[in-house]
Protein backbone atom coordinates (compact mmCIF):
# COMPACT_ATOMS: atom_id res chain seq x y z
CA UNK A 1 21.64 -25.16 -11.70
CA UNK A 2 18.80 -25.74 -14.14
CA UNK A 3 16.39 -26.66 -11.27
CA UNK A 4 17.30 -23.58 -9.40
CA UNK A 5 16.56 -21.44 -12.41
CA UNK A 6 13.25 -23.03 -12.93
CA UNK A 7 12.53 -22.57 -9.20
CA UNK A 8 13.25 -18.91 -9.31
CA UNK A 9 11.17 -18.34 -12.46
CA UNK A 10 8.23 -20.14 -10.78
CA UNK A 11 8.63 -17.99 -7.79
CA UNK A 12 8.71 -14.80 -9.76
CA UNK A 13 5.71 -15.80 -11.93
CA UNK A 14 3.68 -16.66 -8.80
CA UNK A 15 4.58 -13.43 -7.13
CA UNK A 16 3.73 -11.48 -10.18
CA UNK A 17 0.26 -13.29 -10.47
CA UNK A 18 -0.35 -12.49 -6.83
CA UNK A 19 0.57 -8.74 -7.49
CA UNK A 20 -1.74 -8.66 -10.51
CA UNK A 21 -4.55 -10.32 -8.53
CA UNK A 22 -4.12 -7.88 -5.73
CA UNK A 23 -4.43 -4.91 -8.12
CA UNK A 24 -7.33 -6.35 -10.23
CA UNK A 25 -9.51 -8.32 -7.81
CA UNK A 26 -8.47 -7.74 -4.23
CA UNK A 27 -11.37 -9.74 -2.60
CA UNK A 28 -10.47 -12.72 -4.79
CA UNK A 29 -6.82 -12.50 -3.83
CA UNK A 30 -7.61 -12.32 -0.10
CA UNK A 31 -10.08 -15.26 -0.49
CA UNK A 32 -7.35 -17.35 -2.19
CA UNK A 33 -4.94 -16.41 0.61
CA UNK A 34 -7.52 -17.41 3.27
CA UNK A 35 -8.02 -20.80 1.55
CA UNK A 36 -4.24 -21.45 1.38
CA UNK A 37 -3.81 -20.30 5.03
CA UNK A 38 -6.54 -22.55 6.22
CA UNK A 39 -4.95 -25.48 4.27
CA UNK A 40 -1.57 -24.58 5.93
CA UNK A 41 -2.99 -24.78 9.35
CA UNK A 42 -5.42 -27.56 9.22
CA UNK A 43 -3.64 -30.14 6.94
CA UNK A 44 -0.93 -31.14 9.47
CA UNK A 45 -3.48 -32.68 11.80
CA UNK A 46 -5.08 -34.53 8.93
CA UNK A 47 -1.57 -35.71 7.75
CA UNK A 48 -0.80 -37.04 11.33
CA UNK A 49 -3.96 -38.99 11.42
CA UNK A 50 -3.38 -40.46 7.95
CA UNK A 51 0.18 -41.22 8.76
CA UNK A 52 -0.84 -43.19 11.89
CA UNK A 53 -3.30 -45.26 9.95
CA UNK A 54 -0.66 -46.14 7.27
CA UNK A 55 0.69 -49.61 7.01
CA UNK A 56 3.79 -50.39 9.07
CA UNK A 57 6.96 -51.45 7.24
CA UNK A 58 9.15 -53.01 10.01
CA UNK A 59 9.48 -50.28 12.74
CA UNK A 60 8.57 -47.55 10.38
CA UNK A 61 5.14 -46.41 9.11
CA UNK A 62 5.10 -46.62 5.32
CA UNK A 63 3.41 -43.18 4.33
CA UNK A 64 4.88 -43.19 0.89
CA UNK A 65 2.67 -46.06 -0.28
CA UNK A 66 -0.47 -43.99 0.78
CA UNK A 67 -1.39 -42.02 -2.24
CA UNK A 68 -3.93 -39.93 -0.28
CA UNK A 69 -1.11 -38.90 2.18
CA UNK A 70 1.22 -37.96 -0.58
CA UNK A 71 -1.44 -35.75 -2.44
CA UNK A 72 -2.35 -34.02 0.76
CA UNK A 73 1.37 -33.47 1.47
CA UNK A 74 1.91 -31.93 -1.81
CA UNK A 75 -1.25 -29.63 -1.32
CA UNK A 76 0.17 -28.54 2.10
CA UNK A 77 3.42 -27.72 0.57
CA UNK A 78 1.82 -25.82 -2.29
CA UNK A 79 -0.30 -23.85 0.44
CA UNK A 80 2.77 -23.00 2.28
CA UNK A 81 4.45 -21.58 -0.88
CA UNK A 82 1.36 -19.66 -1.76
CA UNK A 83 1.00 -18.06 1.63
CA UNK A 84 4.56 -16.99 1.63
CA UNK A 85 4.52 -15.78 -1.82
CA UNK A 86 1.33 -13.76 -0.99
CA UNK A 87 3.03 -12.15 1.93
CA UNK A 88 6.05 -11.15 -0.41
CA UNK A 89 3.56 -9.81 -2.94
CA UNK A 90 1.75 -7.73 -0.33
CA UNK A 91 5.07 -6.47 0.93
CA UNK A 92 6.10 -5.42 -2.55
CA UNK A 93 2.67 -3.87 -3.11
CA UNK A 94 3.21 -1.73 0.07
CA UNK A 95 6.63 -0.67 -1.12
CA UNK A 96 5.33 0.31 -4.54
CA UNK A 97 2.55 2.42 -3.20
């Protein structure tokens, strides 16, 4: 329950930050969105290549022992969240007027 509350608070804060950034510096907001969208689209190919070069543990590739893979996976997850929350913030901005 505590984890869910912290997650909802994080989502609300990031959405509010996107709204403020859209109001105050629209070009910066769209530049950050473009970077997040580029990461969201390009990182899966890099993750596949890194995963294929990871050491093998039995019949399974051991990607969790590769720190670069785990860091890029985290960056990809954050990029997806930022893109989604930007979409929500833009939709709220449109509804507000």
